[in-house]
Protein backbone atom coordinates (compact mmCIF):
# COMPACT_ATOMS: atom_id res chain seq x y z
CA MET A 1 106.36 119.08 120.93
CA ALA A 2 106.45 115.53 121.98
CA ILE A 3 109.01 113.12 120.66
CA PRO A 4 107.31 111.51 117.61
CA SER A 5 107.20 107.84 118.41
CA ILE A 6 105.09 106.10 115.58
CA ALA A 7 106.89 104.29 112.94
CA ASP A 8 105.22 103.14 109.71
CA ALA A 9 107.04 100.67 107.19
CA HIS A 10 104.95 101.57 104.03
CA CYS A 11 103.16 104.29 102.22
CA ASP A 12 102.62 105.29 98.61
CA THR A 13 102.66 108.93 98.87
CA LEU A 14 105.65 109.75 96.44
CA MET A 15 103.99 107.77 93.73
CA LEU A 16 101.12 110.27 93.87
CA LEU A 17 103.35 113.09 94.12
CA VAL A 18 105.03 112.26 90.66
CA GLY A 19 101.86 111.04 89.09
CA GLU A 20 98.63 112.73 90.30
CA ARG A 21 99.62 115.85 92.28
CA PRO A 22 100.34 119.31 90.66
CA LYS A 23 103.94 119.73 89.35
CA GLY A 24 106.00 121.26 92.19
CA SER A 25 103.87 119.68 95.01
CA SER A 26 105.99 118.33 97.95
CA LEU A 27 105.35 116.37 101.21
CA LYS A 28 105.45 119.93 102.91
CA ASP A 29 102.08 120.78 101.16
CA ARG A 30 98.70 119.86 102.53
CA LEU A 31 97.94 116.79 100.45
CA PRO A 32 94.48 115.41 99.67
CA GLY A 33 95.39 111.78 100.57
CA HIS A 34 96.13 109.96 103.69
CA LEU A 35 99.10 111.77 104.85
CA ASP A 36 101.51 114.85 104.43
CA LEU A 37 104.40 116.23 106.53
CA ASP A 38 102.25 118.31 108.89
CA ARG A 39 99.79 115.59 109.60
CA LEU A 40 102.60 113.06 110.14
CA LEU A 41 104.12 115.35 112.68
CA ALA A 42 100.65 116.17 114.30
CA ALA A 43 99.95 112.38 114.55
CA GLY A 44 103.27 111.53 116.22
CA VAL A 45 104.83 109.78 113.41
CA GLY A 46 108.64 110.02 113.50
CA LEU A 47 109.65 107.38 111.00
CA GLN A 48 108.04 106.87 107.61
CA PHE A 49 108.98 104.54 104.98
CA PHE A 50 108.06 105.93 101.55
CA ALA A 51 107.68 103.28 98.77
CA LEU A 52 109.26 103.71 95.45
CA PHE A 53 106.47 101.86 93.36
CA THR A 54 106.11 101.45 89.66
CA GLU A 55 103.83 99.19 87.45
CA PRO A 56 105.94 96.12 86.10
CA SER A 57 104.09 96.17 82.90
CA HIS A 58 105.59 99.63 82.12
CA GLY A 59 109.14 98.08 81.36
CA SER A 60 112.39 98.47 83.19
CA GLU A 61 113.57 101.73 81.59
CA GLN A 62 110.34 103.54 82.22
CA ASN A 63 110.15 102.23 85.66
CA LEU A 64 113.81 103.20 86.55
CA ARG A 65 113.08 106.66 85.56
CA ARG A 66 110.02 106.92 87.44
CA ILE A 67 111.92 105.71 90.57
CA LEU A 68 114.52 108.37 89.90
CA GLU A 69 111.78 110.85 89.84
CA MET A 70 110.40 109.71 93.10
CA ILE A 71 113.77 109.76 94.71
CA ALA A 72 114.26 113.39 93.39
CA GLN A 73 110.75 114.25 94.87
CA PHE A 74 111.68 112.99 98.11
CA HIS A 75 114.89 115.04 98.44
CA ARG A 76 113.18 118.04 97.03
CA SER A 77 110.64 117.52 99.79
CA VAL A 78 113.56 117.37 102.44
CA ALA A 79 115.08 120.49 101.01
CA VAL A 80 111.87 122.54 101.47
CA SER A 81 110.81 121.20 104.72
CA GLU A 82 112.80 123.62 107.04
CA GLY A 83 114.48 120.71 108.73
CA ARG A 84 111.24 118.95 109.67
CA LEU A 85 111.95 116.00 107.16
CA TYR A 86 115.15 114.23 106.93
CA PRO A 87 116.49 110.96 104.99
CA VAL A 88 117.12 107.99 107.18
CA LEU A 89 120.48 106.65 106.08
CA THR A 90 122.15 105.09 109.10
CA ALA A 91 121.33 103.40 112.37
CA ALA A 92 121.71 106.83 114.05
CA ASP A 93 119.10 108.33 112.00
CA VAL A 94 116.43 105.90 113.38
CA ALA A 95 116.09 107.24 116.84
CA PRO A 96 113.05 109.59 116.92
CA GLN A 97 113.87 113.36 116.77
CA GLU A 98 111.66 116.07 118.30
CA GLY A 99 109.71 117.87 115.53
CA ARG A 100 111.29 115.86 112.84
CA VAL A 101 110.01 113.00 110.56
CA GLY A 102 112.65 110.43 109.20
CA GLY A 103 111.87 109.18 105.70
CA LEU A 104 113.19 105.97 104.58
CA LEU A 105 113.27 105.29 100.80
CA ALA A 106 112.17 101.66 99.89
CA VAL A 107 111.91 100.05 96.48
CA GLU A 108 108.55 98.06 95.94
CA GLY A 109 109.47 95.56 93.58
CA MET A 110 112.96 95.70 91.56
CA SER A 111 112.01 94.74 87.96
CA SER A 112 113.38 98.14 87.04
CA ILE A 113 116.98 97.07 87.84
CA GLY A 114 117.11 93.96 85.78
CA GLY A 115 119.29 92.20 88.29
CA SER A 116 121.89 94.89 88.14
CA VAL A 117 124.01 95.20 91.23
CA GLU A 118 125.48 98.46 90.02
CA ILE A 119 121.98 100.11 89.74
CA LEU A 120 121.21 98.72 93.16
CA GLU A 121 124.49 100.35 94.34
CA VAL A 122 123.52 103.76 92.76
CA MET A 123 120.09 103.67 94.42
CA HIS A 124 121.66 103.01 97.65
CA ARG A 125 124.01 106.05 97.05
CA LEU A 126 120.85 107.96 96.45
CA GLY A 127 119.35 107.13 99.96
CA VAL A 128 117.40 103.90 99.29
CA ARG A 129 117.82 101.59 102.40
CA SER A 130 115.01 98.90 101.82
CA ALA A 131 113.76 96.94 99.01
CA MET A 132 111.29 94.10 97.95
CA LEU A 133 112.52 91.76 95.11
CA THR A 134 109.01 91.73 93.60
CA TRP A 135 105.60 93.33 93.47
CA ASN A 136 102.63 91.03 92.75
CA GLU A 137 104.03 89.55 89.65
CA ARG A 138 106.93 87.44 88.62
CA ASN A 139 110.16 89.13 87.57
CA SER A 140 113.68 88.06 86.84
CA LEU A 141 114.49 87.94 90.58
CA ALA A 142 111.60 85.89 92.05
CA ASP A 143 107.95 85.14 91.81
CA GLY A 144 105.48 87.57 93.12
CA ALA A 145 102.78 86.78 95.77
CA LEU A 146 99.94 86.76 93.17
CA ASP A 147 101.99 85.03 90.47
CA GLN A 148 103.63 82.10 91.86
CA GLN A 149 101.93 79.21 89.86
CA SER A 150 105.38 78.00 88.73
CA GLY A 151 106.39 77.49 92.19
CA GLY A 152 109.73 79.26 91.46
CA GLY A 153 111.61 80.88 94.23
CA LEU A 154 114.71 83.18 93.97
CA SER A 155 116.55 83.06 90.69
CA HIS A 156 120.50 83.33 90.48
CA GLU A 157 119.88 87.07 89.74
CA GLY A 158 117.69 87.37 92.94
CA LYS A 159 120.16 85.61 95.12
CA ARG A 160 122.88 87.96 93.81
CA ILE A 161 120.72 91.03 94.63
CA VAL A 162 120.04 89.55 98.08
CA ALA A 163 123.80 89.20 98.79
CA ALA A 164 124.29 92.75 97.62
CA MET A 165 121.53 94.29 99.65
CA GLN A 166 123.13 92.48 102.72
CA ARG A 167 126.56 93.96 101.87
CA LEU A 168 125.06 97.44 101.70
CA HIS A 169 123.27 97.12 104.90
CA MET A 170 119.71 97.33 103.17
CA ALA A 171 116.60 95.96 104.62
CA LEU A 172 115.21 92.82 103.07
CA ASP A 173 111.34 93.09 102.67
CA VAL A 174 109.40 89.85 101.97
CA SER A 175 105.97 91.58 101.39
CA HIS A 176 104.71 90.73 97.90
CA LEU A 177 107.16 87.79 97.62
CA GLY A 178 105.96 84.42 96.64
CA GLU A 179 106.12 81.63 99.35
CA ARG A 180 108.93 79.65 97.70
CA GLY A 181 110.96 83.07 97.33
CA PHE A 182 110.18 83.62 101.09
CA TRP A 183 111.96 80.61 102.12
CA ASP A 184 114.87 81.03 99.49
CA LEU A 185 115.49 84.59 100.72
CA LEU A 186 115.59 83.27 104.35
CA ASP A 187 118.12 80.65 103.26
CA SER A 188 120.13 83.11 101.38
CA SER A 189 120.45 85.78 104.01
CA GLU A 190 121.37 86.44 107.59
CA GLY A 191 119.93 88.74 110.30
CA PRO A 192 116.43 90.32 110.69
CA VAL A 193 114.02 90.53 107.73
CA LEU A 194 111.00 92.77 107.34
CA ALA A 195 107.48 92.19 106.09
CA SER A 196 106.60 95.81 105.71
CA HIS A 197 103.00 95.65 104.97
CA SER A 198 101.53 92.18 105.24
CA ASN A 199 98.96 90.36 107.56
CA VAL A 200 97.89 87.03 108.91
CA ARG A 201 96.70 84.42 106.37
CA ALA A 202 95.02 82.23 109.10
CA LEU A 203 92.67 85.26 109.60
CA ARG A 204 92.26 86.27 105.96
CA ASP A 205 93.30 83.68 103.30
CA HIS A 206 95.06 85.99 100.79
CA ALA A 207 98.20 85.28 99.10
CA ARG A 208 99.60 88.71 100.31
CA ASN A 209 99.33 87.55 103.86
CA LEU A 210 101.83 85.31 105.71
CA THR A 211 101.12 81.82 106.96
CA ASP A 212 101.78 81.04 110.72
CA GLU A 213 105.08 79.08 109.61
CA GLN A 214 106.31 82.16 107.73
CA ILE A 215 105.46 84.42 110.77
CA LYS A 216 107.44 81.98 112.96
CA ALA A 217 110.43 81.91 110.72
CA LEU A 218 110.48 85.58 110.39
CA ALA A 219 110.17 85.99 114.09
CA ALA A 220 112.98 83.58 114.74
CA ARG A 221 115.22 85.80 112.58
CA GLY A 222 114.34 88.80 114.87
CA GLY A 223 112.11 90.30 112.02
CA VAL A 224 109.03 92.49 112.25
CA ILE A 225 105.71 92.33 110.36
CA GLY A 226 103.93 95.59 109.59
CA MET A 227 100.30 95.56 109.77
CA ASN A 228 98.57 96.65 106.59
CA PHE A 229 95.51 98.62 106.92
CA TYR A 230 93.97 97.56 103.71
CA THR A 231 90.45 96.19 104.29
CA GLN A 232 90.98 93.41 101.71
CA PHE A 233 93.89 91.96 103.64
CA LEU A 234 91.94 92.19 106.89
CA VAL A 235 88.57 90.63 106.20
CA ASP A 236 86.58 89.24 103.26
CA THR A 237 83.88 91.86 103.49
CA GLU A 238 83.77 95.33 102.07
CA THR A 239 84.29 97.13 105.31
CA ALA A 240 86.71 96.50 108.32
CA THR A 241 87.03 97.81 111.96
CA LEU A 242 89.78 98.58 114.20
CA GLY A 243 88.76 95.50 116.02
CA ASN A 244 89.60 93.46 112.85
CA LEU A 245 93.17 94.93 112.63
CA LEU A 246 93.59 94.36 116.37
CA GLN A 247 92.75 90.36 115.73
CA HIS A 248 95.74 90.17 113.45
CA ILE A 249 97.90 91.93 115.82
CA ARG A 250 96.69 89.68 118.37
CA HIS A 251 97.34 86.60 116.61
CA ILE A 252 100.93 87.54 115.87
CA ALA A 253 101.59 88.51 119.41
CA ASP A 254 100.14 85.20 120.77
CA LEU A 255 101.90 83.14 118.13
CA VAL A 256 105.56 84.71 118.49
CA GLY A 257 105.32 87.83 120.80
CA ALA A 258 104.18 91.49 120.36
CA GLN A 259 107.91 92.39 119.86
CA HIS A 260 107.43 91.22 116.07
CA VAL A 261 104.58 93.40 115.32
CA GLY A 262 104.72 96.80 113.73
CA LEU A 263 102.74 99.16 111.29
CA GLY A 264 102.78 99.06 107.59
CA SER A 265 99.72 101.20 106.66
CA ASP A 266 99.89 101.22 103.03
CA PHE A 267 98.38 104.63 103.21
CA ASP A 268 98.01 106.41 99.87
CA GLY A 269 98.11 102.96 98.20
CA ILE A 270 94.92 101.59 99.39
CA SER A 271 91.18 102.21 98.50
CA ALA A 272 89.80 101.14 101.86
CA ALA A 273 91.00 101.36 105.48
CA PRO A 274 89.34 100.31 108.80
CA GLU A 275 86.70 102.42 110.29
CA ARG A 276 88.13 105.04 112.58
CA LEU A 277 91.54 104.67 110.89
CA GLN A 278 91.09 106.45 107.70
CA SER A 279 94.26 108.65 107.79
CA VAL A 280 97.27 109.43 109.94
CA GLU A 281 95.02 111.68 111.89
CA ASP A 282 93.35 108.64 113.26
CA TYR A 283 96.33 107.10 114.88
CA PRO A 284 95.10 108.17 118.39
CA ASN A 285 92.33 105.82 117.97
CA LEU A 286 94.67 103.09 117.19
CA ARG A 287 96.71 103.83 120.40
CA ALA A 288 93.54 103.73 122.41
CA ALA A 289 92.44 100.42 120.68
CA LEU A 290 95.60 98.71 121.52
CA GLU A 291 95.30 99.70 125.23
CA ALA A 292 91.75 98.69 125.37
CA ALA A 293 92.75 95.40 123.95
CA GLY A 294 95.05 94.82 126.91
CA PHE A 295 98.45 95.38 125.34
CA SER A 296 100.87 96.61 128.02
CA ALA A 297 102.55 100.08 127.74
CA SER A 298 105.79 98.63 126.53
CA GLU A 299 103.94 96.32 123.94
CA ARG A 300 101.96 99.33 122.61
CA ALA A 301 105.25 101.30 122.20
CA GLY A 302 106.92 98.50 120.43
CA ILE A 303 103.88 97.92 117.91
CA LEU A 304 103.59 101.66 117.23
CA GLY A 305 107.18 102.23 116.36
CA GLY A 306 109.81 100.71 118.76
CA ASN A 307 109.84 97.31 117.23
CA LEU A 308 110.56 98.55 113.68
CA ARG A 309 113.10 100.87 114.95
CA ARG A 310 114.89 98.02 116.82
CA VAL A 311 115.22 96.05 113.58
CA LEU A 312 116.36 98.97 111.40
CA GLN A 313 119.15 99.89 113.86
CA THR A 314 120.39 96.30 113.57
CA ILE A 315 120.19 96.21 109.77
CA LEU A 316 121.47 99.80 109.15
CA GLU A 317 124.41 99.54 111.66
């Protein structure tokens, strides 16, 4: 079996496992969504971020419980995977391993912790290695991308959480963060920063996408932007093509270099993806499209996984 080289910075599969799948299901089972363990391995995915997402409106106590359930589901999946799934905890875990998928736990919006550094530290002990301060809405840490009318950036609590994440060597993820919060986070931190699943606002004017100035600033810090496959973030029409996704990749590559582009599919969290990229099984189509678009072998390897791994090895070291 070939060494799995693809790395993806976002999927919502754990949310489905604790909410919509039969009790006892795991990533080892054949799942009806965009991915499962067998399909990840068959597609050549060796590193997969698993989001820990909860609806902010449900309240911090209920959301914290749901996050713990998703963490437990991940570790249960590891236990029954016969060694094919393992947790990514340190820089040494980032390198691809033959016949194995490394899973990295990432909190998507931290309204559940209420600004508690102690809860963050517990999550870290349970395997969480990446987090976004917000989802789309404002919380006690910062404004979300779709709720930034106040123009507010990071709160004192938000800056305290950023400092704790840096001390714990956790990845700071700016996807879903409001623009003022984006700049505050860069001012309050050091080292590479991720945008796990965001696209280019110059091509699709959506608050969830990044401006060219944000892209330049993130690249200057050595960061990576994971391309989101969601049709609504690629085009303003009902359907998108692989060509549309390649336009976003090309824009970033021309602006700051292909070494700052990665994948952040948002699989199992989106209702529409580009034609010929409907699940992880379609990754060969993306690989071929990158080659046809003129990206070199080294650029393709970086976009498909090498760039994200490089940043993670720096952060988790």
